[in-house]
Amino acid sequence: MADKYIGKSTAIASLKPNALWVLRDDTLEWLDSKQTEPTQAEIDAEVIRLQAEYDSQAYARSRALEYPPATDYLDGIVKGDQAQVDKYIADCQAVKDKYPKE
């Protein structure tokens, strides 16, 4: 299940960057004279594409929250403490194992 919903406004902005438009409730008012208004089918397809892209990166977002701070690694390098460096690498690998790529 997605933890973020990609909506119509996100899809329109993705399809037509820098275009001028207003979305009121679910009604699109196209104000841009340089770019053509996307069709509803194009918007719907872009919502699906963006949602799938976001959902496919759930593992990366979970990993980012649990990785140890990079300063632990750098501190071990600066001090020449191989045990600290090895622990950092092992801790990162444990997070990767917990949240594998699908």
N, C-alpha and C. Protein backbone atom coordinates (compact mmCIF):
# COMPACT_ATOMS: atom_id res chain seq x y z
N MET A 1 0.84 -1.19 0.00
CA MET A 1 0.00 0.00 0.00
C MET A 1 0.88 1.25 0.00
N ALA A 2 0.51 2.21 -0.76
CA ALA A 2 1.28 3.43 -0.88
C ALA A 2 1.16 4.29 0.37
N ASP A 3 2.27 4.91 0.76
CA ASP A 3 2.21 5.81 1.91
C ASP A 3 2.11 7.26 1.45
N LYS A 4 1.99 7.47 0.16
CA LYS A 4 1.81 8.79 -0.40
C LYS A 4 0.92 8.65 -1.62
N TYR A 5 0.00 9.57 -1.76
CA TYR A 5 -0.90 9.56 -2.91
C TYR A 5 -0.45 10.61 -3.91
N ILE A 6 -0.21 10.18 -5.13
CA ILE A 6 0.15 11.10 -6.20
C ILE A 6 -1.15 11.60 -6.82
N GLY A 7 -1.36 12.89 -6.81
CA GLY A 7 -2.61 13.46 -7.30
C GLY A 7 -2.50 14.09 -8.67
N LYS A 8 -3.62 14.61 -9.10
CA LYS A 8 -3.75 15.21 -10.42
C LYS A 8 -2.79 16.39 -10.59
N SER A 9 -2.67 17.23 -9.58
CA SER A 9 -1.81 18.41 -9.71
C SER A 9 -0.35 18.01 -9.90
N THR A 10 0.10 16.98 -9.21
CA THR A 10 1.48 16.50 -9.38
C THR A 10 1.69 15.98 -10.79
N ALA A 11 0.70 15.27 -11.30
CA ALA A 11 0.79 14.72 -12.65
C ALA A 11 0.84 15.83 -13.70
N ILE A 12 0.00 16.84 -13.53
CA ILE A 12 -0.01 17.96 -14.49
C ILE A 12 1.34 18.68 -14.47
N ALA A 13 1.86 18.93 -13.29
CA ALA A 13 3.15 19.61 -13.19
C ALA A 13 4.27 18.77 -13.81
N SER A 14 4.16 17.47 -13.71
CA SER A 14 5.15 16.59 -14.32
C SER A 14 5.04 16.59 -15.85
N LEU A 15 3.83 16.58 -16.34
CA LEU A 15 3.60 16.56 -17.78
C LEU A 15 3.94 17.89 -18.46
N LYS A 16 3.61 18.97 -17.79
CA LYS A 16 3.75 20.31 -18.39
C LYS A 16 4.48 21.24 -17.42
N PRO A 17 5.78 21.03 -17.26
CA PRO A 17 6.54 21.87 -16.33
C PRO A 17 6.42 23.36 -16.70
N ASN A 18 6.28 24.17 -15.70
CA ASN A 18 6.21 25.63 -15.85
C ASN A 18 4.96 26.13 -16.58
N ALA A 19 4.01 25.27 -16.82
CA ALA A 19 2.77 25.71 -17.46
C ALA A 19 1.93 26.48 -16.45
N LEU A 20 1.05 27.32 -16.97
CA LEU A 20 0.14 28.11 -16.12
C LEU A 20 -1.23 27.43 -16.13
N TRP A 21 -1.71 27.07 -14.94
CA TRP A 21 -3.00 26.42 -14.82
C TRP A 21 -3.48 26.53 -13.39
N VAL A 22 -4.76 26.27 -13.20
CA VAL A 22 -5.36 26.28 -11.86
C VAL A 22 -6.24 25.04 -11.77
N LEU A 23 -6.17 24.38 -10.62
CA LEU A 23 -7.02 23.22 -10.37
C LEU A 23 -7.94 23.57 -9.21
N ARG A 24 -9.24 23.65 -9.51
CA ARG A 24 -10.24 23.96 -8.48
C ARG A 24 -11.10 22.73 -8.30
N ASP A 25 -11.07 22.20 -7.09
CA ASP A 25 -11.67 20.90 -6.81
C ASP A 25 -11.02 19.91 -7.78
N ASP A 26 -11.75 19.42 -8.75
CA ASP A 26 -11.15 18.50 -9.71
C ASP A 26 -11.23 19.07 -11.13
N THR A 27 -11.49 20.38 -11.23
CA THR A 27 -11.65 21.01 -12.53
C THR A 27 -10.39 21.78 -12.90
N LEU A 28 -9.84 21.43 -14.06
CA LEU A 28 -8.62 22.07 -14.53
C LEU A 28 -8.97 23.27 -15.41
N GLU A 29 -8.40 24.42 -15.06
CA GLU A 29 -8.52 25.61 -15.89
C GLU A 29 -7.15 25.89 -16.48
N TRP A 30 -7.02 25.73 -17.79
CA TRP A 30 -5.75 25.89 -18.48
C TRP A 30 -5.53 27.35 -18.84
N LEU A 31 -4.45 27.93 -18.37
CA LEU A 31 -4.16 29.34 -18.58
C LEU A 31 -2.95 29.57 -19.48
N ASP A 32 -2.28 28.51 -19.85
CA ASP A 32 -1.03 28.61 -20.59
C ASP A 32 -1.28 28.69 -22.09
N SER A 33 -0.66 29.67 -22.73
CA SER A 33 -0.82 29.81 -24.18
C SER A 33 0.34 29.17 -24.95
N LYS A 34 1.38 28.75 -24.25
CA LYS A 34 2.54 28.16 -24.91
C LYS A 34 2.51 26.64 -24.93
N GLN A 35 1.92 26.06 -23.92
CA GLN A 35 1.84 24.60 -23.84
C GLN A 35 0.39 24.16 -23.99
N THR A 36 0.20 23.03 -24.61
CA THR A 36 -1.16 22.52 -24.78
C THR A 36 -1.63 21.83 -23.51
N GLU A 37 -2.91 21.89 -23.28
CA GLU A 37 -3.51 21.26 -22.11
C GLU A 37 -3.44 19.74 -22.26
N PRO A 38 -3.00 19.04 -21.21
CA PRO A 38 -2.96 17.58 -21.29
C PRO A 38 -4.38 17.01 -21.25
N THR A 39 -4.56 15.89 -21.90
CA THR A 39 -5.87 15.23 -21.87
C THR A 39 -6.04 14.53 -20.53
N GLN A 40 -7.27 14.19 -20.21
CA GLN A 40 -7.53 13.45 -18.97
C GLN A 40 -6.82 12.10 -19.00
N ALA A 41 -6.78 11.47 -20.16
CA ALA A 41 -6.10 10.18 -20.28
C ALA A 41 -4.60 10.33 -20.00
N GLU A 42 -3.99 11.41 -20.50
CA GLU A 42 -2.57 11.67 -20.23
C GLU A 42 -2.33 11.91 -18.74
N ILE A 43 -3.22 12.66 -18.12
CA ILE A 43 -3.10 12.94 -16.69
C ILE A 43 -3.24 11.65 -15.89
N ASP A 44 -4.24 10.85 -16.21
CA ASP A 44 -4.46 9.59 -15.50
C ASP A 44 -3.26 8.66 -15.64
N ALA A 45 -2.71 8.57 -16.84
CA ALA A 45 -1.54 7.72 -17.07
C ALA A 45 -0.33 8.21 -16.29
N GLU A 46 -0.18 9.53 -16.21
CA GLU A 46 0.95 10.10 -15.47
C GLU A 46 0.80 9.87 -13.97
N VAL A 47 -0.42 9.95 -13.46
CA VAL A 47 -0.66 9.64 -12.05
C VAL A 47 -0.21 8.21 -11.77
N ILE A 48 -0.61 7.28 -12.61
CA ILE A 48 -0.25 5.87 -12.44
C ILE A 48 1.27 5.69 -12.52
N ARG A 49 1.90 6.33 -13.49
CA ARG A 49 3.34 6.20 -13.65
C ARG A 49 4.10 6.76 -12.44
N LEU A 50 3.71 7.96 -12.00
CA LEU A 50 4.38 8.58 -10.87
C LEU A 50 4.15 7.80 -9.58
N GLN A 51 2.94 7.28 -9.39
CA GLN A 51 2.66 6.49 -8.19
C GLN A 51 3.50 5.21 -8.18
N ALA A 52 3.60 4.56 -9.32
CA ALA A 52 4.40 3.33 -9.41
C ALA A 52 5.88 3.63 -9.14
N GLU A 53 6.36 4.74 -9.68
CA GLU A 53 7.75 5.15 -9.45
C GLU A 53 7.99 5.41 -7.96
N TYR A 54 7.07 6.13 -7.33
CA TYR A 54 7.20 6.42 -5.90
C TYR A 54 7.16 5.13 -5.08
N ASP A 55 6.19 4.29 -5.37
CA ASP A 55 6.02 3.05 -4.61
C ASP A 55 7.24 2.14 -4.75
N SER A 56 7.87 2.15 -5.92
CA SER A 56 9.02 1.27 -6.15
C SER A 56 10.24 1.68 -5.33
N GLN A 57 10.22 2.86 -4.77
CA GLN A 57 11.34 3.35 -3.98
C GLN A 57 11.10 3.27 -2.47
N ALA A 58 10.08 2.51 -2.05
CA ALA A 58 9.77 2.38 -0.62
C ALA A 58 10.97 1.84 0.16
N TYR A 59 11.66 0.85 -0.42
CA TYR A 59 12.82 0.28 0.27
C TYR A 59 13.89 1.34 0.53
N ALA A 60 14.11 2.22 -0.43
CA ALA A 60 15.15 3.25 -0.28
C ALA A 60 14.78 4.24 0.82
N ARG A 61 13.51 4.61 0.89
CA ARG A 61 13.08 5.54 1.95
C ARG A 61 13.20 4.88 3.32
N SER A 62 12.87 3.59 3.41
CA SER A 62 13.00 2.87 4.68
C SER A 62 14.46 2.76 5.08
N ARG A 63 15.30 2.43 4.13
CA ARG A 63 16.74 2.33 4.43
C ARG A 63 17.30 3.66 4.95
N ALA A 64 16.94 4.73 4.29
CA ALA A 64 17.49 6.04 4.66
C ALA A 64 17.20 6.38 6.12
N LEU A 65 16.05 5.94 6.61
CA LEU A 65 15.69 6.23 8.00
C LEU A 65 16.51 5.43 9.00
N GLU A 66 17.05 4.30 8.58
CA GLU A 66 17.72 3.40 9.52
C GLU A 66 19.23 3.28 9.35
N TYR A 67 19.77 3.81 8.26
CA TYR A 67 21.22 3.75 8.10
C TYR A 67 21.90 4.48 9.24
N PRO A 68 23.05 3.97 9.68
CA PRO A 68 23.81 4.72 10.69
C PRO A 68 24.35 6.01 10.08
N PRO A 69 24.66 6.98 10.90
CA PRO A 69 25.19 8.24 10.35
C PRO A 69 26.54 8.02 9.67
N ALA A 70 26.74 8.65 8.54
CA ALA A 70 27.99 8.54 7.80
C ALA A 70 29.18 9.04 8.61
N THR A 71 28.91 9.89 9.58
CA THR A 71 30.01 10.40 10.42
C THR A 71 30.65 9.26 11.21
N ASP A 72 29.89 8.19 11.50
CA ASP A 72 30.49 7.03 12.19
C ASP A 72 31.58 6.41 11.33
N TYR A 73 31.30 6.31 10.04
CA TYR A 73 32.28 5.75 9.10
C TYR A 73 33.50 6.67 8.99
N LEU A 74 33.23 7.95 8.78
CA LEU A 74 34.33 8.90 8.62
C LEU A 74 35.20 8.98 9.87
N ASP A 75 34.57 8.92 11.03
CA ASP A 75 35.31 8.95 12.28
C ASP A 75 36.24 7.74 12.37
N GLY A 76 35.74 6.58 11.96
CA GLY A 76 36.58 5.38 11.97
C GLY A 76 37.74 5.49 11.01
N ILE A 77 37.50 6.08 9.84
CA ILE A 77 38.59 6.28 8.86
C ILE A 77 39.65 7.22 9.42
N VAL A 78 39.20 8.35 9.96
CA VAL A 78 40.14 9.36 10.47
C VAL A 78 40.97 8.79 11.62
N LYS A 79 40.33 8.01 12.48
CA LYS A 79 41.04 7.42 13.62
C LYS A 79 41.84 6.17 13.24
N GLY A 80 41.62 5.67 12.04
CA GLY A 80 42.28 4.43 11.65
C GLY A 80 41.73 3.23 12.40
N ASP A 81 40.47 3.32 12.81
CA ASP A 81 39.82 2.27 13.60
C ASP A 81 39.06 1.33 12.66
N GLN A 82 39.73 0.28 12.23
CA GLN A 82 39.12 -0.65 11.27
C GLN A 82 37.89 -1.34 11.85
N ALA A 83 37.90 -1.60 13.15
CA ALA A 83 36.74 -2.23 13.78
C ALA A 83 35.51 -1.33 13.66
N GLN A 84 35.69 -0.03 13.83
CA GLN A 84 34.58 0.93 13.70
C GLN A 84 34.08 0.98 12.26
N VAL A 85 35.01 0.98 11.31
CA VAL A 85 34.64 0.98 9.90
C VAL A 85 33.88 -0.30 9.55
N ASP A 86 34.39 -1.43 10.02
CA ASP A 86 33.73 -2.71 9.76
C ASP A 86 32.33 -2.76 10.37
N LYS A 87 32.19 -2.20 11.57
CA LYS A 87 30.87 -2.16 12.22
C LYS A 87 29.90 -1.31 11.40
N TYR A 88 30.37 -0.18 10.91
CA TYR A 88 29.53 0.68 10.09
C TYR A 88 29.06 -0.07 8.84
N ILE A 89 29.97 -0.74 8.18
CA ILE A 89 29.62 -1.50 6.97
C ILE A 89 28.63 -2.61 7.31
N ALA A 90 28.85 -3.31 8.40
CA ALA A 90 27.94 -4.38 8.81
C ALA A 90 26.55 -3.83 9.15
N ASP A 91 26.52 -2.69 9.82
CA ASP A 91 25.24 -2.06 10.16
C ASP A 91 24.48 -1.65 8.90
N CYS A 92 25.20 -1.11 7.92
CA CYS A 92 24.56 -0.75 6.65
C CYS A 92 24.03 -1.98 5.93
N GLN A 93 24.83 -3.05 5.93
CA GLN A 93 24.39 -4.28 5.26
C GLN A 93 23.17 -4.86 5.94
N ALA A 94 23.08 -4.75 7.26
CA ALA A 94 21.90 -5.25 7.99
C ALA A 94 20.65 -4.49 7.56
N VAL A 95 20.79 -3.20 7.35
CA VAL A 95 19.65 -2.39 6.88
C VAL A 95 19.28 -2.80 5.47
N LYS A 96 20.25 -3.00 4.61
CA LYS A 96 19.99 -3.45 3.24
C LYS A 96 19.29 -4.80 3.24
N ASP A 97 19.71 -5.69 4.12
CA ASP A 97 19.08 -7.01 4.20
C ASP A 97 17.64 -6.91 4.71
N LYS A 98 17.41 -5.98 5.62
CA LYS A 98 16.06 -5.78 6.19
C LYS A 98 15.11 -5.22 5.15
N TYR A 99 15.60 -4.34 4.28
CA TYR A 99 14.78 -3.70 3.24
C TYR A 99 15.39 -3.96 1.86
N PRO A 100 15.23 -5.17 1.34
CA PRO A 100 15.83 -5.47 0.04
C PRO A 100 15.10 -4.76 -1.10
N LYS A 101 15.83 -4.59 -2.20
CA LYS A 101 15.18 -4.08 -3.41
C LYS A 101 14.22 -5.15 -3.90
N GLU A 102 13.09 -4.69 -4.42
CA GLU A 102 12.11 -5.67 -4.90
C GLU A 102 12.39 -6.04 -6.33
